[in-house]
Amino acid sequence: MAKGAATFISFCSIPGVRNSTMLAPEKPSFILSQSSFHELVGGCVGYVNYKSISALKVTRRGFHAKQRKFSMPVSKVSQHKAVSFQVGNLASLDFQRFCREGKVEAALDAMNEMEKNGVFVDSLDLIELLQICEDMKLLETGKKVFEYTMRSPSKPHIAVFNKFVEIYCKLGDTSCAKRVFEEMPKRNLDSWNKMLVGLAENGEGAEALRIFSMMKKDGVRPDEFTFVGVIKACRCVGAVEDGQEHFVSMSRDYGITPSMEHYVAIVDLLGKSKKITEAKELIANMPIEPSSRVWETLEKYSKAGPSGLKLSNKKKVMDMLVSNQKKASPEKSKAFKKLRSLSKEVKEAGCVPESRHVLHDLDHEAKEKTLLYHSERLAVAFGLINTPPGITLRIMKNLRICGDCHNFIKILSSIEKREIIVRDIKRFHHFKDGKCSCRDFW
């Protein structure tokens, strides 16, 4: 394969793998989300924000209606330009229809056709398309849209650039997000917040705090969303005292009343830093009734050990694993086989299974078997057998990654010489060269 080129593999369901060649990205990747891997592991997520898309459609209609009032009569335009304008308008209608139907590639073709005729997609349409790219985890398609945006003779609205920052961060490419942020002609509070929170969620706490300092130097006044990102950034780097100071400064310096999300973030910071007593005192003195999320966050750090489903013996678990493998499709069987091979390599490299992460009352051998088939491991195995060496793997998971899987993938990234990015329910983990961006602090 040519240098810089990448094969992007998308899956509608398994079996039935479809391949299509995309334009060469700076960091080629393999992305696995709910639509691609749900039947295989049942642990990956994706969603479509229909409310926000509907709102955009309503706004767009109003926006176009307003524009038509000021459009020039066709009689004053040359015949050639009138024909081009008509073709462009038809392509625009096709583009909007393709977006509604979720046909991203067809929408891109319509955009290119419009561009040939001197017609460019407006900012609201671009945001709608980017939302679809985000929901479908189409990172490289989002990069194509960015290239198109930069070719537009008119300057896109600041909201478009903010959306690019958001989609890049949510899909784990903070390098592109920072590049867009730095090149933005203008920034607003939303721009700073998306960049700061995005970096914190990707485990780049120090960089997020640097953005916060820049924001204050530029005279931008932070809001409640800013401080959610700041406290999360402090958690990333283990800066518990700084996090507490920022929490206090919200109301003291900016008149912002802490919300439940701020209390969850600060309890999470204190709990991770083993300051359980301080976390309990904070909750006891909360001016509002603590939510279930606050208590769940505290319980995560304060309970003595794992508890959960008890099984009478290992036979039930082993029978379940064997049964699942027998029912597996050829693609699943390949993933199971690859995973067993990877497990041996990782063990030889010094990885010791942490069976305490298995909640079943089983012996050590059975617990190891259960850990082996965690969803994120299967996702990584499936990605490795379906992509060329060196391609970045991106795994989206709707549960928190366990410590054993975290250690497994960390060592595997060194063995396979790949960057493996896992987005769990809490944050991004960027595994590379045997290290994780969270610095094992998550």
Protein backbone atom coordinates (compact mmCIF):
# COMPACT_ATOMS: atom_id res chain seq x y z
CA MET A 1 0.00 0.00 0.00
CA ALA A 2 1.29 3.48 -0.86
CA LYS A 3 2.79 5.53 1.91
CA GLY A 4 0.15 7.59 3.72
CA ALA A 5 -2.76 5.71 2.13
CA ALA A 6 -5.26 3.93 4.31
CA THR A 7 -8.03 1.42 4.02
CA PHE A 8 -11.04 2.50 6.06
CA ILE A 9 -13.25 -0.44 6.98
CA SER A 10 -16.84 0.18 7.91
CA PHE A 11 -19.33 -2.47 8.96
CA CYS A 12 -23.11 -2.34 8.76
CA SER A 13 -23.39 -5.70 10.47
CA ILE A 14 -21.33 -8.83 10.86
CA PRO A 15 -20.81 -10.79 8.67
CA GLY A 16 -20.49 -8.68 5.57
CA VAL A 17 -17.38 -6.51 5.66
CA ARG A 18 -17.20 -3.66 3.16
CA ASN A 19 -14.00 -2.00 2.10
CA SER A 20 -13.58 1.36 0.44
CA THR A 21 -10.46 3.39 -0.22
CA MET A 22 -10.42 6.89 1.24
CA LEU A 23 -8.14 9.86 0.68
CA ALA A 24 -4.84 9.59 2.55
CA PRO A 25 -5.19 11.02 6.07
CA GLU A 26 -2.35 12.16 8.26
CA LYS A 27 -3.18 9.42 10.77
CA PRO A 28 -4.99 6.56 9.02
CA SER A 29 -7.29 4.68 11.32
CA PHE A 30 -9.65 1.79 11.80
CA ILE A 31 -12.79 2.77 13.67
CA LEU A 32 -15.17 0.30 15.26
CA SER A 33 -18.52 1.50 16.62
CA GLN A 34 -21.93 0.07 17.42
CA SER A 35 -23.04 -0.25 13.81
CA SER A 36 -19.86 -2.14 13.01
CA PHE A 37 -19.26 -4.45 15.93
CA HIS A 38 -22.38 -4.65 18.07
CA GLU A 39 -23.20 -8.24 17.15
CA LEU A 40 -19.61 -9.30 17.78
CA VAL A 41 -19.03 -7.91 21.28
CA GLY A 42 -22.16 -6.03 22.36
CA GLY A 43 -20.02 -3.37 23.95
CA CYS A 44 -19.60 -0.55 21.43
CA VAL A 45 -21.78 2.52 21.08
CA GLY A 46 -23.09 5.07 18.62
CA TYR A 47 -26.13 7.33 18.51
CA VAL A 48 -27.85 9.87 16.34
CA ASN A 49 -28.89 13.17 17.85
CA TYR A 50 -32.17 13.50 15.95
CA LYS A 51 -33.32 16.51 17.97
CA SER A 52 -30.33 18.62 17.04
CA ILE A 53 -30.56 17.56 13.39
CA SER A 54 -34.26 18.43 13.23
CA ALA A 55 -33.56 21.81 14.77
CA LEU A 56 -30.95 22.49 12.12
CA LYS A 57 -33.39 21.62 9.36
CA VAL A 58 -35.97 24.03 10.67
CA THR A 59 -33.37 26.79 11.01
CA ARG A 60 -31.99 26.09 7.55
CA ARG A 61 -35.39 26.47 5.92
CA GLY A 62 -35.81 29.81 7.59
CA PHE A 63 -32.30 30.80 6.60
CA HIS A 64 -32.90 29.98 2.92
CA ALA A 65 -36.25 31.68 2.93
CA LYS A 66 -34.60 34.85 4.17
CA GLN A 67 -31.91 34.59 1.50
CA ARG A 68 -34.39 34.23 -1.33
CA LYS A 69 -35.86 37.65 -0.54
CA PHE A 70 -32.57 39.23 -1.56
CA SER A 71 -31.65 37.00 -4.53
CA MET A 72 -31.04 38.67 -7.91
CA PRO A 73 -33.55 38.12 -10.74
CA VAL A 74 -32.40 35.42 -13.16
CA SER A 75 -33.02 37.76 -16.10
CA LYS A 76 -29.99 39.83 -15.07
CA VAL A 77 -27.65 36.80 -15.08
CA SER A 78 -26.05 35.34 -18.21
CA GLN A 79 -27.59 32.15 -19.61
CA HIS A 80 -24.50 30.09 -18.77
CA LYS A 81 -24.48 31.31 -15.17
CA ALA A 82 -28.22 30.73 -14.86
CA VAL A 83 -27.83 27.11 -16.01
CA SER A 84 -24.91 26.58 -13.62
CA PHE A 85 -26.93 28.12 -10.80
CA GLN A 86 -29.87 25.80 -11.55
CA VAL A 87 -27.62 22.72 -11.64
CA GLY A 88 -26.04 23.82 -8.38
CA ASN A 89 -29.46 24.25 -6.76
CA LEU A 90 -30.52 20.75 -7.85
CA ALA A 91 -27.31 19.34 -6.40
CA SER A 92 -28.03 21.28 -3.20
CA LEU A 93 -31.44 19.60 -2.90
CA ASP A 94 -29.78 16.23 -3.50
CA PHE A 95 -27.22 17.03 -0.81
CA GLN A 96 -29.91 17.81 1.77
CA ARG A 97 -31.80 14.62 0.88
CA PHE A 98 -28.66 12.50 1.20
CA CYS A 99 -27.97 14.02 4.63
CA ARG A 100 -31.50 13.19 5.78
CA GLU A 101 -30.99 9.61 4.60
CA GLY A 102 -27.53 9.33 6.15
CA LYS A 103 -25.84 8.70 2.78
CA VAL A 104 -22.58 10.47 3.50
CA GLU A 105 -20.62 9.47 0.40
CA ALA A 106 -23.49 10.53 -1.85
CA ALA A 107 -23.69 13.84 0.03
CA LEU A 108 -19.97 14.41 -0.62
CA ASP A 109 -20.49 13.75 -4.34
CA ALA A 110 -23.33 16.29 -4.38
CA MET A 111 -21.07 18.82 -2.64
CA ASN A 112 -18.40 18.35 -5.29
CA GLU A 113 -21.00 18.78 -8.05
CA MET A 114 -22.20 22.00 -6.46
CA GLU A 115 -18.62 23.26 -6.18
CA LYS A 116 -18.05 22.69 -9.91
CA ASN A 117 -20.97 25.03 -10.56
CA GLY A 118 -19.81 27.68 -8.11
CA VAL A 119 -22.29 26.81 -5.38
CA PHE A 120 -21.06 26.02 -1.85
CA VAL A 121 -22.90 24.42 1.05
CA ASP A 122 -23.92 26.89 3.74
CA SER A 123 -22.77 26.71 7.35
CA LEU A 124 -25.93 25.10 8.73
CA ASP A 125 -25.78 22.31 6.15
CA LEU A 126 -22.12 21.73 6.94
CA ILE A 127 -22.90 21.41 10.65
CA GLU A 128 -25.64 18.90 9.87
CA LEU A 129 -23.25 16.81 7.76
CA LEU A 130 -20.57 16.96 10.46
CA GLN A 131 -23.08 15.80 13.07
CA ILE A 132 -23.77 12.73 10.93
CA CYS A 133 -20.01 12.11 10.57
CA GLU A 134 -19.68 12.30 14.36
CA ASP A 135 -22.60 9.95 14.98
CA MET A 136 -21.31 7.42 12.45
CA LYS A 137 -17.69 7.77 13.66
CA LEU A 138 -16.50 8.86 10.19
CA LEU A 139 -13.29 10.68 11.09
CA GLU A 140 -11.69 10.65 7.64
CA THR A 141 -14.92 11.85 6.03
CA GLY A 142 -14.92 14.74 8.49
CA LYS A 143 -11.42 15.61 7.28
CA LYS A 144 -12.70 15.69 3.69
CA VAL A 145 -15.43 18.10 4.76
CA PHE A 146 -12.80 20.30 6.39
CA GLU A 147 -10.76 20.43 3.15
CA TYR A 148 -13.95 21.39 1.31
CA THR A 149 -14.70 24.08 3.90
CA MET A 150 -11.28 25.64 3.48
CA ARG A 151 -11.82 25.86 -0.31
CA SER A 152 -15.04 27.83 0.14
CA PRO A 153 -14.71 31.46 -1.04
CA SER A 154 -16.92 32.62 1.84
CA LYS A 155 -15.81 32.32 5.44
CA PRO A 156 -17.82 29.65 7.28
CA HIS A 157 -19.54 30.62 10.50
CA ILE A 158 -17.52 30.19 13.69
CA ALA A 159 -19.93 27.40 14.70
CA VAL A 160 -18.58 25.28 11.82
CA PHE A 161 -15.01 25.52 13.12
CA ASN A 162 -16.26 24.75 16.62
CA LYS A 163 -17.96 21.64 15.26
CA PHE A 164 -14.72 20.50 13.64
CA VAL A 165 -12.92 20.86 16.99
CA GLU A 166 -15.69 18.87 18.67
CA ILE A 167 -15.80 16.02 16.13
CA TYR A 168 -12.02 15.62 16.07
CA CYS A 169 -11.87 15.47 19.86
CA LYS A 170 -14.79 13.07 20.15
CA LEU A 171 -13.18 10.75 17.61
CA GLY A 172 -9.81 10.90 19.31
CA ASP A 173 -7.76 13.04 16.91
CA THR A 174 -6.70 15.93 19.11
CA SER A 175 -3.86 16.90 16.74
CA CYS A 176 -6.36 17.91 14.06
CA ALA A 177 -8.60 19.56 16.67
CA LYS A 178 -5.69 21.72 17.88
CA ARG A 179 -4.75 22.61 14.31
CA VAL A 180 -8.29 23.83 13.57
CA PHE A 181 -8.41 25.70 16.87
CA GLU A 182 -5.11 27.47 16.21
CA GLU A 183 -6.11 28.44 12.65
CA MET A 184 -9.60 29.73 13.50
CA PRO A 185 -10.01 33.35 12.32
CA LYS A 186 -12.10 34.06 15.43
CA ARG A 187 -12.89 32.22 18.65
CA ASN A 188 -15.77 32.46 21.07
CA LEU A 189 -16.34 30.92 24.49
CA ASP A 190 -17.71 27.76 22.89
CA SER A 191 -14.45 27.38 20.92
CA TRP A 192 -12.35 27.46 24.09
CA ASN A 193 -14.69 25.12 25.96
CA LYS A 194 -14.79 22.49 23.21
CA MET A 195 -11.00 22.50 22.93
CA LEU A 196 -10.44 22.40 26.70
CA VAL A 197 -13.00 19.68 27.46
CA GLY A 198 -11.97 17.67 24.39
CA LEU A 199 -8.34 17.61 25.52
CA ALA A 200 -9.31 16.63 29.07
CA GLU A 201 -11.50 13.77 27.82
CA ASN A 202 -8.60 12.54 25.68
CA GLY A 203 -6.31 12.40 28.71
CA GLU A 204 -4.30 15.49 27.76
CA GLY A 205 -4.80 17.24 31.08
CA ALA A 206 -1.67 19.39 30.98
CA GLU A 207 -2.54 20.70 27.51
CA ALA A 208 -6.12 21.39 28.61
CA LEU A 209 -4.86 23.45 31.54
CA ARG A 210 -2.56 25.35 29.17
CA ILE A 211 -5.60 26.21 27.03
CA PHE A 212 -7.36 27.45 30.18
CA SER A 213 -4.43 29.78 30.95
CA MET A 214 -4.45 31.10 27.37
CA MET A 215 -8.18 31.64 27.61
CA LYS A 216 -7.84 33.82 30.71
CA LYS A 217 -4.94 35.77 29.18
CA ASP A 218 -7.13 36.52 26.14
CA GLY A 219 -9.72 38.04 28.48
CA VAL A 220 -12.35 35.34 27.88
CA ARG A 221 -14.47 34.84 30.96
CA PRO A 222 -14.99 31.12 31.77
CA ASP A 223 -18.44 29.68 32.42
CA GLU A 224 -19.74 26.58 34.17
CA PHE A 225 -18.81 24.30 31.24
CA THR A 226 -15.23 25.58 31.33
CA PHE A 227 -14.79 24.49 34.92
CA VAL A 228 -16.11 21.00 34.25
CA GLY A 229 -13.26 20.63 31.76
CA VAL A 230 -10.72 22.21 34.13
CA ILE A 231 -11.55 19.85 37.01
CA LYS A 232 -11.43 16.86 34.64
CA ALA A 233 -8.03 18.07 33.40
CA CYS A 234 -6.76 18.24 36.99
CA ARG A 235 -7.94 14.69 37.50
CA CYS A 236 -5.96 13.58 34.43
CA VAL A 237 -2.70 14.86 35.87
CA GLY A 238 -3.49 14.10 39.51
CA ALA A 239 -3.45 17.78 40.50
CA VAL A 240 -5.92 17.45 43.36
CA GLU A 241 -5.01 20.72 45.14
CA ASP A 242 -5.27 22.71 41.89
CA GLY A 243 -8.62 21.06 41.15
CA GLN A 244 -9.95 22.01 44.58
CA GLU A 245 -8.74 25.59 44.11
CA HIS A 246 -10.46 25.86 40.72
CA PHE A 247 -13.66 24.43 42.26
CA VAL A 248 -13.61 27.13 44.96
CA SER A 249 -12.74 29.91 42.50
CA MET A 250 -15.86 29.22 40.45
CA SER A 251 -18.14 30.93 42.93
CA ARG A 252 -15.51 33.11 44.61
CA ASP A 253 -14.05 34.74 41.47
CA TYR A 254 -16.71 34.23 38.80
CA GLY A 255 -20.02 33.97 40.65
CA ILE A 256 -20.75 30.53 39.19
CA THR A 257 -22.83 28.22 41.38
CA PRO A 258 -21.46 24.66 41.16
CA SER A 259 -23.84 22.25 39.45
CA MET A 260 -24.23 18.53 40.03
CA GLU A 261 -21.76 17.87 37.21
CA HIS A 262 -19.11 19.90 39.04
CA TYR A 263 -19.69 17.92 42.24
CA VAL A 264 -19.40 14.64 40.34
CA ALA A 265 -16.12 15.85 38.81
CA ILE A 266 -14.60 17.01 42.11
CA VAL A 267 -15.68 13.82 43.95
CA ASP A 268 -14.11 11.85 41.12
CA LEU A 269 -10.88 13.85 41.51
CA LEU A 270 -10.79 13.36 45.29
CA GLY A 271 -11.69 9.69 45.06
CA LYS A 272 -9.01 8.94 42.51
CA SER A 273 -6.48 10.72 44.71
CA LYS A 274 -7.55 8.46 47.62
CA LYS A 275 -8.98 11.40 49.57
CA ILE A 276 -12.17 9.52 50.44
CA THR A 277 -12.72 11.35 53.76
CA GLU A 278 -12.55 14.73 52.03
CA ALA A 279 -14.94 13.51 49.33
CA LYS A 280 -17.45 12.39 51.98
CA GLU A 281 -17.17 15.73 53.79
CA LEU A 282 -17.75 17.59 50.52
CA ILE A 283 -20.89 15.56 49.82
CA ALA A 284 -22.15 16.07 53.39
CA ASN A 285 -21.84 19.84 52.99
CA MET A 286 -23.38 20.08 49.50
CA PRO A 287 -26.06 22.82 49.36
CA ILE A 288 -28.13 20.60 47.07
CA GLU A 289 -29.27 16.99 47.40
CA PRO A 290 -26.52 14.70 46.00
CA SER A 291 -27.58 12.85 42.87
CA SER A 292 -27.17 9.12 42.30
CA ARG A 293 -24.13 9.88 40.10
CA VAL A 294 -22.38 11.57 43.04
CA TRP A 295 -22.96 8.54 45.28
CA GLU A 296 -21.97 6.10 42.52
CA THR A 297 -18.73 8.03 41.96
CA LEU A 298 -17.91 7.91 45.68
CA GLU A 299 -18.83 4.23 45.93
CA LYS A 300 -16.50 3.42 43.04
CA TYR A 301 -13.52 4.43 45.19
CA SER A 302 -14.72 3.67 48.72
CA LYS A 303 -16.01 0.11 48.50
CA ALA A 304 -13.63 -2.51 49.81
CA GLY A 305 -13.63 -4.82 46.82
CA PRO A 306 -15.56 -5.99 43.75
CA SER A 307 -18.97 -7.43 44.24
CA GLY A 308 -21.49 -8.70 41.79
CA LEU A 309 -23.01 -11.80 40.28
CA LYS A 310 -22.08 -15.01 42.10
CA LEU A 311 -21.93 -18.29 40.20
CA SER A 312 -21.81 -21.68 41.89
CA ASN A 313 -18.89 -22.95 39.82
CA LYS A 314 -16.81 -22.27 36.76
CA LYS A 315 -18.66 -24.77 34.55
CA LYS A 316 -21.50 -22.33 33.80
CA VAL A 317 -19.09 -19.65 32.62
CA MET A 318 -16.96 -22.06 30.60
CA ASP A 319 -20.06 -23.56 28.97
CA MET A 320 -21.25 -20.06 28.06
CA LEU A 321 -17.91 -19.14 26.47
CA VAL A 322 -17.73 -22.38 24.50
CA SER A 323 -21.34 -21.97 23.36
CA ASN A 324 -20.71 -18.40 22.16
CA GLN A 325 -17.67 -19.47 20.16
CA LYS A 326 -19.55 -22.37 18.53
CA LYS A 327 -22.25 -19.95 17.38
CA ALA A 328 -19.70 -17.46 16.06
CA SER A 329 -19.65 -16.43 12.40
CA PRO A 330 -16.39 -16.92 10.44
CA GLU A 331 -15.42 -13.31 11.21
CA LYS A 332 -16.02 -13.81 14.93
CA SER A 333 -14.11 -17.08 14.90
CA LYS A 334 -11.11 -15.32 13.36
CA ALA A 335 -11.27 -12.68 16.08
CA PHE A 336 -11.38 -15.35 18.83
CA LYS A 337 -8.42 -17.16 17.28
CA LYS A 338 -6.41 -13.94 16.92
CA LEU A 339 -7.21 -12.95 20.50
CA ARG A 340 -5.92 -16.26 21.87
CA SER A 341 -2.67 -15.73 19.94
CA LEU A 342 -2.35 -12.14 21.20
CA SER A 343 -2.96 -13.28 24.77
CA LYS A 344 0.06 -15.60 24.59
CA GLU A 345 2.27 -12.82 23.18
CA VAL A 346 1.20 -10.34 25.84
CA LYS A 347 1.75 -12.90 28.60
CA GLU A 348 5.24 -13.62 27.31
CA ALA A 349 5.91 -9.87 27.39
CA GLY A 350 5.20 -9.85 31.12
CA CYS A 351 1.48 -9.08 31.38
CA VAL A 352 -0.04 -10.74 34.46
CA PRO A 353 -3.86 -11.10 34.29
CA GLU A 354 -5.64 -9.13 37.01
CA SER A 355 -8.44 -11.56 37.83
CA ARG A 356 -9.81 -9.25 40.53
CA HIS A 357 -11.64 -7.42 37.72
CA VAL A 358 -13.89 -10.47 37.19
CA LEU A 359 -16.97 -10.25 39.38
CA HIS A 360 -17.75 -13.98 39.36
CA ASP A 361 -16.97 -16.46 42.14
CA LEU A 362 -14.59 -18.52 39.99
CA ASP A 363 -11.15 -20.02 40.24
CA HIS A 364 -8.17 -18.22 38.70
CA GLU A 365 -8.20 -20.18 35.43
CA ALA A 366 -11.85 -19.47 34.74
CA LYS A 367 -11.40 -15.79 35.55
CA GLU A 368 -8.55 -15.56 33.02
CA LYS A 369 -10.81 -17.09 30.37
CA THR A 370 -13.53 -14.56 31.14
CA LEU A 371 -11.11 -11.62 30.91
CA LEU A 372 -9.83 -12.87 27.57
CA TYR A 373 -13.15 -12.22 25.85
CA HIS A 374 -13.89 -8.71 27.08
CA SER A 375 -15.42 -6.63 24.30
CA GLU A 376 -12.56 -4.18 23.80
CA ARG A 377 -10.06 -7.04 23.34
CA LEU A 378 -12.25 -8.66 20.72
CA ALA A 379 -12.58 -5.29 19.00
CA VAL A 380 -8.80 -4.85 18.91
CA ALA A 381 -8.28 -8.39 17.60
CA PHE A 382 -10.86 -7.82 14.87
CA GLY A 383 -9.18 -4.54 13.91
CA LEU A 384 -5.74 -6.13 13.71
CA ILE A 385 -6.82 -8.87 11.32
CA ASN A 386 -8.67 -6.44 9.06
CA THR A 387 -6.12 -3.65 8.63
CA PRO A 388 -2.54 -3.36 7.35
CA PRO A 389 0.29 -2.92 9.89
CA GLY A 390 0.67 0.56 11.35
CA ILE A 391 -2.97 1.65 11.01
CA THR A 392 -4.36 3.37 14.10
CA LEU A 393 -7.23 1.48 15.73
CA ARG A 394 -10.09 3.42 17.35
CA ILE A 395 -12.46 1.50 19.61
CA MET A 396 -15.66 3.06 20.98
CA LYS A 397 -17.00 1.34 24.11
CA ASN A 398 -20.06 2.13 26.22
CA LEU A 399 -18.60 0.76 29.46
CA ARG A 400 -15.56 1.70 31.53
CA ILE A 401 -12.44 -0.23 30.48
CA CYS A 402 -11.25 -2.58 33.22
CA GLY A 403 -7.71 -2.46 34.59
CA ASP A 404 -6.74 -5.80 33.06
CA CYS A 405 -7.83 -4.79 29.57
CA HIS A 406 -6.07 -1.46 30.02
CA ASN A 407 -2.80 -3.24 30.84
CA PHE A 408 -3.33 -5.78 28.04
CA ILE A 409 -3.85 -3.13 25.32
CA LYS A 410 -1.01 -0.99 26.67
CA ILE A 411 1.49 -3.85 26.25
CA LEU A 412 -0.07 -4.89 22.95
CA SER A 413 0.47 -1.40 21.49
CA SER A 414 4.21 -1.93 21.96
CA ILE A 415 4.19 -5.44 20.49
CA GLU A 416 2.11 -4.48 17.44
CA LYS A 417 3.81 -1.09 16.93
CA ARG A 418 0.41 0.57 16.65
CA GLU A 419 -1.49 3.37 18.27
CA ILE A 420 -4.71 2.00 19.77
CA ILE A 421 -7.30 4.52 20.94
CA VAL A 422 -10.10 3.32 23.22
CA ARG A 423 -12.99 5.61 24.14
CA ASP A 424 -14.79 4.22 27.16
CA ILE A 425 -17.72 5.77 29.00
CA LYS A 426 -15.40 8.09 30.94
CA ARG A 427 -12.60 9.23 28.58
CA PHE A 428 -10.17 8.44 25.78
CA HIS A 429 -7.16 6.20 26.29
CA HIS A 430 -4.41 6.66 23.70
CA PHE A 431 -2.16 3.58 23.85
CA LYS A 432 1.19 3.87 22.11
CA ASP A 433 4.64 2.30 22.60
CA GLY A 434 3.51 0.53 25.75
CA LYS A 435 2.14 3.67 27.41
CA CYS A 436 -1.28 5.26 27.85
CA SER A 437 -2.17 8.95 27.68
CA CYS A 438 -3.92 8.66 31.07
CA ARG A 439 -0.61 7.63 32.65
CA ASP A 440 -2.52 4.81 34.36
CA PHE A 441 -4.48 7.44 36.29
CA TRP A 442 -8.13 6.95 35.35
